[in-house]
Amino acid sequence: TLGGIVGGAANGALGAVTLVSATNVGINAAFTAASLTQQAGSGTTTIGGATTLTGALGFTGGNLVVNAAVGAGGAVSFTGSALTVNAAVTTGGAVTVANTGTFTTSATGDITAAGAFSQTGAGTNSLAGDIETTGNISLISATELTGNIAATAAGTNSTISFAGTINSSTTVARNLTLSAGKDILLSAALGGTNKLGALALNGTGITRLSGAVAATSVTSDASGT
């Protein structure tokens, strides 16, 4: 456990920090370094202090909980069981989530990436935070909305794709706004278990809904097809 400020003095930022193998890591105060990598481990790693990296954040292990803002100049990658994001994550590169457990974002857990966002694990998604990228946004597993969310793929040719079902987490209908520079591709049923609220689809290319849809309303901008 790191209980005090790390790398916070003038010109005191650390270089590359690597945790070869760790169990139940706590970063409880501000942390500044070139990069942070956990190569293996078990239990839960918790980022509880504002973390500033000029390079990448890479995690391989059990669970990762982000309770304080993370700013990374490079990519952010997660390979493990559960990823919980309760604070803003801003990156200068792509974000990849390979989760066997649940990937969770709270309403304060927005993700902003200068690159693509991809969720590739077999675990499910429970989302309340927004996702904004300059590249593609893709999620392959089932998604539950615990709040109203917006996903924005701002690049000119960027695509948003959800391969799994999307539902509100309870009978409270949650709004979903998807905005893409090109295509929006939704491959499974929407709102089949608990219906969605307002579903807004804004893309300049193809907007394709391949499954049944249950929502309070569905709107699509005129520039898509």
C-alpha atoms as a PDB file:
ATOM      1  CA  THR A   1       0.000   0.000   0.000  1.00  0.00           C
ATOM      2  CA  LEU A   2       1.268   3.447  -0.949  1.00  0.00           C
ATOM      3  CA  GLY A   3      -0.157   5.779   1.657  1.00  0.00           C
ATOM      4  CA  GLY A   4       1.707   8.956   0.785  1.00  0.00           C
ATOM      5  CA  ILE A   5       2.241  11.102  -2.292  1.00  0.00           C
ATOM      6  CA  VAL A   6       4.493   9.460  -4.876  1.00  0.00           C
ATOM      7  CA  GLY A   7       6.419  11.550  -7.393  1.00  0.00           C
ATOM      8  CA  GLY A   8       4.771  14.772  -6.352  1.00  0.00           C
ATOM      9  CA  ALA A   9       7.818  16.959  -5.654  1.00  0.00           C
ATOM     10  CA  ALA A  10       9.113  19.429  -8.226  1.00  0.00           C
ATOM     11  CA  ASN A  11      10.812  17.339 -10.934  1.00  0.00           C
ATOM     12  CA  GLY A  12      10.106  14.341  -8.721  1.00  0.00           C
ATOM     13  CA  ALA A  13       7.989  12.201 -11.037  1.00  0.00           C
ATOM     14  CA  LEU A  14       9.077   8.596 -11.130  1.00  0.00           C
ATOM     15  CA  GLY A  15      10.044   6.772 -14.296  1.00  0.00           C
ATOM     16  CA  ALA A  16       8.374   3.539 -15.348  1.00  0.00           C
ATOM     17  CA  VAL A  17       6.831   1.771 -12.349  1.00  0.00           C
ATOM     18  CA  THR A  18       6.317  -1.995 -12.658  1.00  0.00           C
ATOM     19  CA  LEU A  19       4.583  -4.293 -10.201  1.00  0.00           C
ATOM     20  CA  VAL A  20       5.803  -7.753 -11.195  1.00  0.00           C
ATOM     21  CA  SER A  21       3.234  -9.558  -9.037  1.00  0.00           C
ATOM     22  CA  ALA A  22       1.061  -8.137  -6.295  1.00  0.00           C
ATOM     23  CA  THR A  23      -1.930  -8.863  -4.090  1.00  0.00           C
ATOM     24  CA  ASN A  24      -4.353  -6.159  -2.887  1.00  0.00           C
ATOM     25  CA  VAL A  25      -2.430  -3.055  -3.918  1.00  0.00           C
ATOM     26  CA  GLY A  26      -3.538   0.366  -2.680  1.00  0.00           C
ATOM     27  CA  ILE A  27      -2.447   3.678  -4.227  1.00  0.00           C
ATOM     28  CA  ASN A  28      -3.991   5.992  -1.674  1.00  0.00           C
ATOM     29  CA  ALA A  29      -2.513   9.391  -2.574  1.00  0.00           C
ATOM     30  CA  ALA A  30      -1.400  11.315  -5.648  1.00  0.00           C
ATOM     31  CA  PHE A  31       0.845   9.261  -7.929  1.00  0.00           C
ATOM     32  CA  THR A  32       2.993  10.709 -10.732  1.00  0.00           C
ATOM     33  CA  ALA A  33       5.193   8.613 -13.000  1.00  0.00           C
ATOM     34  CA  ALA A  34       6.126   7.921 -16.599  1.00  0.00           C
ATOM     35  CA  SER A  35       4.016   4.757 -16.645  1.00  0.00           C
ATOM     36  CA  LEU A  36       2.408   2.187 -14.353  1.00  0.00           C
ATOM     37  CA  THR A  37       2.276  -1.526 -15.145  1.00  0.00           C
ATOM     38  CA  GLN A  38       1.036  -4.445 -13.067  1.00  0.00           C
ATOM     39  CA  GLN A  39       2.190  -7.652 -14.740  1.00  0.00           C
ATOM     40  CA  ALA A  40       0.374 -10.189 -12.555  1.00  0.00           C
ATOM     41  CA  GLY A  41      -1.398 -10.530  -9.253  1.00  0.00           C
ATOM     42  CA  SER A  42      -4.537 -11.375  -7.339  1.00  0.00           C
ATOM     43  CA  GLY A  43      -7.041  -9.631  -5.123  1.00  0.00           C
ATOM     44  CA  THR A  44      -7.878  -5.990  -5.834  1.00  0.00           C
ATOM     45  CA  THR A  45      -5.697  -3.082  -6.879  1.00  0.00           C
ATOM     46  CA  THR A  46      -7.268   0.241  -5.931  1.00  0.00           C
ATOM     47  CA  ILE A  47      -6.253   3.612  -7.365  1.00  0.00           C
ATOM     48  CA  GLY A  48      -7.399   6.002  -4.667  1.00  0.00           C
ATOM     49  CA  GLY A  49      -5.141   8.963  -5.424  1.00  0.00           C
ATOM     50  CA  ALA A  50      -5.086  11.158  -8.515  1.00  0.00           C
ATOM     51  CA  THR A  51      -2.746   9.421 -10.957  1.00  0.00           C
ATOM     52  CA  THR A  52      -0.814  11.234 -13.663  1.00  0.00           C
ATOM     53  CA  LEU A  53       1.238   9.296 -16.208  1.00  0.00           C
ATOM     54  CA  THR A  54       3.094  10.586 -19.242  1.00  0.00           C
ATOM     55  CA  GLY A  55       2.837   7.135 -20.777  1.00  0.00           C
ATOM     56  CA  ALA A  56       0.693   4.041 -20.445  1.00  0.00           C
ATOM     57  CA  LEU A  57      -1.291   2.307 -17.704  1.00  0.00           C
ATOM     58  CA  GLY A  58      -1.310  -1.458 -18.063  1.00  0.00           C
ATOM     59  CA  PHE A  59      -2.962  -3.915 -15.684  1.00  0.00           C
ATOM     60  CA  THR A  60      -2.938  -7.708 -15.631  1.00  0.00           C
ATOM     61  CA  GLY A  61      -4.248  -9.459 -12.552  1.00  0.00           C
ATOM     62  CA  GLY A  62      -7.440  -9.794 -10.547  1.00  0.00           C
ATOM     63  CA  ASN A  63      -9.612  -6.742  -9.970  1.00  0.00           C
ATOM     64  CA  LEU A  64      -8.901  -3.052 -10.565  1.00  0.00           C
ATOM     65  CA  VAL A  65     -10.893  -0.247  -8.928  1.00  0.00           C
ATOM     66  CA  VAL A  66     -10.368   3.363 -10.035  1.00  0.00           C
ATOM     67  CA  ASN A  67     -11.631   5.736  -7.334  1.00  0.00           C
ATOM     68  CA  ALA A  68      -9.570   8.801  -8.322  1.00  0.00           C
ATOM     69  CA  ALA A  69      -8.923  10.533 -11.622  1.00  0.00           C
ATOM     70  CA  VAL A  70      -6.411   8.919 -13.963  1.00  0.00           C
ATOM     71  CA  GLY A  71      -4.666  10.840 -16.730  1.00  0.00           C
ATOM     72  CA  ALA A  72      -2.422   8.767 -18.996  1.00  0.00           C
ATOM     73  CA  GLY A  73      -0.491  10.107 -21.951  1.00  0.00           C
ATOM     74  CA  GLY A  74      -0.521   6.679 -23.555  1.00  0.00           C
ATOM     75  CA  ALA A  75      -2.840   3.705 -23.789  1.00  0.00           C
ATOM     76  CA  VAL A  76      -4.776   2.092 -20.943  1.00  0.00           C
ATOM     77  CA  SER A  77      -5.225  -1.678 -20.912  1.00  0.00           C
ATOM     78  CA  PHE A  78      -6.945  -4.038 -18.490  1.00  0.00           C
ATOM     79  CA  THR A  79      -6.740  -7.832 -18.480  1.00  0.00           C
ATOM     80  CA  GLY A  80      -8.331  -9.456 -15.474  1.00  0.00           C
ATOM     81  CA  SER A  81     -11.588 -10.152 -13.694  1.00  0.00           C
ATOM     82  CA  ALA A  82     -13.536  -7.040 -12.673  1.00  0.00           C
ATOM     83  CA  LEU A  83     -12.774  -3.446 -13.645  1.00  0.00           C
ATOM     84  CA  THR A  84     -14.646  -0.726 -11.747  1.00  0.00           C
ATOM     85  CA  VAL A  85     -14.282   2.911 -12.830  1.00  0.00           C
ATOM     86  CA  ASN A  86     -15.649   5.461 -10.345  1.00  0.00           C
ATOM     87  CA  ALA A  87     -13.617   8.478 -11.510  1.00  0.00           C
ATOM     88  CA  ALA A  88     -12.644  10.066 -14.811  1.00  0.00           C
ATOM     89  CA  VAL A  89     -10.097   8.260 -16.972  1.00  0.00           C
ATOM     90  CA  THR A  90      -8.441  10.316 -19.724  1.00  0.00           C
ATOM     91  CA  THR A  91      -5.928   8.790 -22.112  1.00  0.00           C
ATOM     92  CA  GLY A  92      -3.693   9.778 -24.978  1.00  0.00           C
ATOM     93  CA  GLY A  93      -4.164   6.373 -26.592  1.00  0.00           C
ATOM     94  CA  ALA A  94      -6.533   3.459 -26.899  1.00  0.00           C
ATOM     95  CA  VAL A  95      -8.447   1.820 -24.035  1.00  0.00           C
ATOM     96  CA  THR A  96      -8.812  -1.968 -24.012  1.00  0.00           C
ATOM     97  CA  VAL A  97     -10.819  -3.970 -21.479  1.00  0.00           C
ATOM     98  CA  ALA A  98     -10.438  -7.771 -21.452  1.00  0.00           C
ATOM     99  CA  ASN A  99     -12.681  -8.647 -18.505  1.00  0.00           C
ATOM    100  CA  THR A 100     -13.762 -12.061 -17.287  1.00  0.00           C
ATOM    101  CA  GLY A 101     -15.868 -10.434 -14.563  1.00  0.00           C
ATOM    102  CA  THR A 102     -17.968  -7.273 -14.701  1.00  0.00           C
ATOM    103  CA  PHE A 103     -16.759  -4.046 -16.264  1.00  0.00           C
ATOM    104  CA  THR A 104     -18.495  -1.288 -14.294  1.00  0.00           C
ATOM    105  CA  THR A 105     -18.570   2.474 -14.693  1.00  0.00           C
ATOM    106  CA  SER A 106     -20.380   4.805 -12.312  1.00  0.00           C
ATOM    107  CA  ALA A 107     -21.913   8.146 -13.285  1.00  0.00           C
ATOM    108  CA  THR A 108     -18.604   9.795 -12.325  1.00  0.00           C
ATOM    109  CA  GLY A 109     -16.545   7.235 -14.243  1.00  0.00           C
ATOM    110  CA  ASP A 110     -16.393   8.809 -17.690  1.00  0.00           C
ATOM    111  CA  ILE A 111     -13.748   7.527 -20.112  1.00  0.00           C
ATOM    112  CA  THR A 112     -12.173   9.867 -22.669  1.00  0.00           C
ATOM    113  CA  ALA A 113      -9.670   8.367 -25.091  1.00  0.00           C
ATOM    114  CA  ALA A 114      -7.560   9.767 -27.904  1.00  0.00           C
ATOM    115  CA  GLY A 115      -7.912   6.472 -29.712  1.00  0.00           C
ATOM    116  CA  ALA A 116     -10.312   3.547 -29.762  1.00  0.00           C
ATOM    117  CA  PHE A 117     -12.216   1.854 -26.934  1.00  0.00           C
ATOM    118  CA  SER A 118     -12.718  -1.903 -27.014  1.00  0.00           C
ATOM    119  CA  GLN A 119     -14.257  -4.354 -24.554  1.00  0.00           C
ATOM    120  CA  THR A 120     -13.207  -7.857 -25.548  1.00  0.00           C
ATOM    121  CA  GLY A 121     -13.665 -10.049 -22.481  1.00  0.00           C
ATOM    122  CA  ALA A 122     -16.309 -12.678 -21.749  1.00  0.00           C
ATOM    123  CA  GLY A 123     -17.544 -10.709 -18.731  1.00  0.00           C
ATOM    124  CA  THR A 124     -20.557  -8.408 -18.787  1.00  0.00           C
ATOM    125  CA  ASN A 125     -20.767  -4.610 -18.755  1.00  0.00           C
ATOM    126  CA  SER A 126     -22.610  -2.409 -16.241  1.00  0.00           C
ATOM    127  CA  LEU A 127     -22.415   1.205 -17.368  1.00  0.00           C
ATOM    128  CA  ALA A 128     -23.395   4.639 -16.093  1.00  0.00           C
ATOM    129  CA  GLY A 129     -20.385   6.637 -17.291  1.00  0.00           C
ATOM    130  CA  ASP A 130     -19.976   8.185 -20.724  1.00  0.00           C
ATOM    131  CA  ILE A 131     -17.379   7.036 -23.271  1.00  0.00           C
ATOM    132  CA  GLU A 132     -15.828   9.479 -25.735  1.00  0.00           C
ATOM    133  CA  THR A 133     -13.142   8.544 -28.245  1.00  0.00           C
ATOM    134  CA  THR A 134     -11.484   9.631 -31.462  1.00  0.00           C
ATOM    135  CA  GLY A 135     -11.535   6.036 -32.717  1.00  0.00           C
ATOM    136  CA  ASN A 136     -13.992   3.156 -32.790  1.00  0.00           C
ATOM    137  CA  ILE A 137     -16.053   2.040 -29.787  1.00  0.00           C
ATOM    138  CA  SER A 138     -16.791  -1.686 -29.588  1.00  0.00           C
ATOM    139  CA  LEU A 139     -18.258  -3.892 -26.854  1.00  0.00           C
ATOM    140  CA  ILE A 140     -18.795  -7.600 -27.430  1.00  0.00           C
ATOM    141  CA  SER A 141     -20.586  -8.634 -24.222  1.00  0.00           C
ATOM    142  CA  ALA A 142     -24.040  -7.971 -22.799  1.00  0.00           C
ATOM    143  CA  THR A 143     -24.474  -4.477 -21.367  1.00  0.00           C
ATOM    144  CA  GLU A 144     -26.721  -3.176 -18.594  1.00  0.00           C
ATOM    145  CA  LEU A 145     -27.270   0.552 -18.153  1.00  0.00           C
ATOM    146  CA  THR A 146     -27.370   1.694 -14.535  1.00  0.00           C
ATOM    147  CA  GLY A 147     -27.667   5.329 -15.638  1.00  0.00           C
ATOM    148  CA  ASN A 148     -28.234   7.432 -18.742  1.00  0.00           C
ATOM    149  CA  ILE A 149     -25.134   7.246 -20.909  1.00  0.00           C
ATOM    150  CA  ALA A 150     -23.679   8.707 -24.075  1.00  0.00           C
ATOM    151  CA  ALA A 151     -21.051   7.039 -26.224  1.00  0.00           C
ATOM    152  CA  THR A 152     -19.340   9.252 -28.800  1.00  0.00           C
ATOM    153  CA  ALA A 153     -16.869   8.080 -31.434  1.00  0.00           C
ATOM    154  CA  ALA A 154     -15.823  11.451 -32.769  1.00  0.00           C
ATOM    155  CA  GLY A 155     -13.403  10.421 -35.532  1.00  0.00           C
ATOM    156  CA  THR A 156     -14.561  10.994 -39.094  1.00  0.00           C
ATOM    157  CA  ASN A 157     -14.699   7.265 -39.933  1.00  0.00           C
ATOM    158  CA  SER A 158     -15.295   5.964 -36.424  1.00  0.00           C
ATOM    159  CA  THR A 159     -17.851   3.239 -35.754  1.00  0.00           C
ATOM    160  CA  ILE A 160     -19.804   2.235 -32.640  1.00  0.00           C
ATOM    161  CA  SER A 161     -20.676  -1.451 -32.324  1.00  0.00           C
ATOM    162  CA  PHE A 162     -22.391  -3.461 -29.580  1.00  0.00           C
ATOM    163  CA  ALA A 163     -22.402  -7.211 -30.232  1.00  0.00           C
ATOM    164  CA  GLY A 164     -24.365  -8.132 -27.099  1.00  0.00           C
ATOM    165  CA  THR A 165     -27.756  -7.238 -25.703  1.00  0.00           C
ATOM    166  CA  ILE A 166     -28.363  -3.848 -24.096  1.00  0.00           C
ATOM    167  CA  ASN A 167     -30.846  -3.445 -21.234  1.00  0.00           C
ATOM    168  CA  SER A 168     -31.656  -1.070 -18.425  1.00  0.00           C
ATOM    169  CA  SER A 169     -30.481  -2.642 -15.177  1.00  0.00           C
ATOM    170  CA  THR A 170     -33.918  -2.268 -13.555  1.00  0.00           C
ATOM    171  CA  THR A 171     -37.412  -1.264 -14.617  1.00  0.00           C
ATOM    172  CA  VAL A 172     -36.216   2.368 -14.595  1.00  0.00           C
ATOM    173  CA  ALA A 173     -35.719   2.999 -18.323  1.00  0.00           C
ATOM    174  CA  ARG A 174     -32.252   4.403 -19.047  1.00  0.00           C
ATOM    175  CA  ASN A 175     -31.436   6.666 -21.983  1.00  0.00           C
ATOM    176  CA  LEU A 176     -28.729   5.723 -24.474  1.00  0.00           C
ATOM    177  CA  THR A 177     -27.218   8.192 -26.945  1.00  0.00           C
ATOM    178  CA  LEU A 178     -24.783   6.902 -29.560  1.00  0.00           C
ATOM    179  CA  SER A 179     -22.959   9.334 -31.840  1.00  0.00           C
ATOM    180  CA  ALA A 180     -20.482   8.076 -34.440  1.00  0.00           C
ATOM    181  CA  GLY A 181     -18.453   9.614 -37.213  1.00  0.00           C
ATOM    182  CA  LYS A 182     -19.602   6.767 -39.438  1.00  0.00           C
ATOM    183  CA  ASP A 183     -21.581   3.580 -38.638  1.00  0.00           C
ATOM    184  CA  ILE A 184     -23.644   2.428 -35.652  1.00  0.00           C
ATOM    185  CA  LEU A 185     -24.062  -1.360 -35.533  1.00  0.00           C
ATOM    186  CA  LEU A 186     -26.229  -2.960 -32.833  1.00  0.00           C
ATOM    187  CA  SER A 187     -26.285  -6.711 -33.293  1.00  0.00           C
ATOM    188  CA  ALA A 188     -28.560  -8.037 -30.528  1.00  0.00           C
ATOM    189  CA  ALA A 189     -31.862  -7.262 -28.828  1.00  0.00           C
ATOM    190  CA  LEU A 190     -32.258  -3.905 -27.097  1.00  0.00           C
ATOM    191  CA  GLY A 191     -34.444  -3.573 -24.012  1.00  0.00           C
ATOM    192  CA  GLY A 192     -35.631  -7.155 -24.122  1.00  0.00           C
ATOM    193  CA  THR A 193     -35.330  -7.696 -20.368  1.00  0.00           C
ATOM    194  CA  ASN A 194     -35.786  -4.116 -19.123  1.00  0.00           C
ATOM    195  CA  LYS A 195     -36.636  -1.581 -21.807  1.00  0.00           C
ATOM    196  CA  LEU A 196     -34.483   1.382 -22.657  1.00  0.00           C
ATOM    197  CA  GLY A 197     -35.561   4.991 -22.331  1.00  0.00           C
ATOM    198  CA  ALA A 198     -34.802   7.411 -25.160  1.00  0.00           C
ATOM    199  CA  LEU A 199     -32.540   5.745 -27.712  1.00  0.00           C
ATOM    200  CA  ALA A 200     -30.776   8.285 -29.945  1.00  0.00           C
ATOM    201  CA  LEU A 201     -28.598   7.090 -32.832  1.00  0.00           C
ATOM    202  CA  ASN A 202     -26.535   9.714 -34.634  1.00  0.00           C
ATOM    203  CA  GLY A 203     -24.171   8.534 -37.365  1.00  0.00           C
ATOM    204  CA  THR A 204     -23.236   9.613 -40.865  1.00  0.00           C
ATOM    205  CA  GLY A 205     -23.013   6.088 -42.286  1.00  0.00           C
ATOM    206  CA  ILE A 206     -25.062   2.934 -41.745  1.00  0.00           C
ATOM    207  CA  THR A 207     -27.265   2.623 -38.671  1.00  0.00           C
ATOM    208  CA  ARG A 208     -28.202  -1.046 -38.250  1.00  0.00           C
ATOM    209  CA  LEU A 209     -30.399  -2.574 -35.537  1.00  0.00           C
ATOM    210  CA  SER A 210     -30.293  -6.343 -35.980  1.00  0.00           C
ATOM    211  CA  GLY A 211     -32.475  -7.356 -33.027  1.00  0.00           C
ATOM    212  CA  ALA A 212     -35.805  -6.443 -31.476  1.00  0.00           C
ATOM    213  CA  VAL A 213     -36.003  -3.045 -29.786  1.00  0.00           C
ATOM    214  CA  ALA A 214     -37.997  -2.039 -26.716  1.00  0.00           C
ATOM    215  CA  ALA A 215     -37.506   1.624 -25.815  1.00  0.00           C
ATOM    216  CA  THR A 216     -39.518   4.655 -24.801  1.00  0.00           C
ATOM    217  CA  SER A 217     -38.480   6.328 -28.069  1.00  0.00           C
ATOM    218  CA  VAL A 218     -36.032   5.805 -30.933  1.00  0.00           C
ATOM    219  CA  THR A 219     -34.581   8.665 -32.974  1.00  0.00           C
ATOM    220  CA  SER A 220     -31.925   8.728 -35.682  1.00  0.00           C
ATOM    221  CA  ASP A 221     -30.400  11.721 -37.407  1.00  0.00           C
ATOM    222  CA  ALA A 222     -31.008  12.314 -41.094  1.00  0.00           C
ATOM    223  CA  SER A 223     -27.382  11.983 -42.160  1.00  0.00           C
ATOM    224  CA  GLY A 224     -27.253   8.227 -41.600  1.00  0.00           C
ATOM    225  CA  THR A 225     -28.846   5.494 -43.715  1.00  0.00           C
END
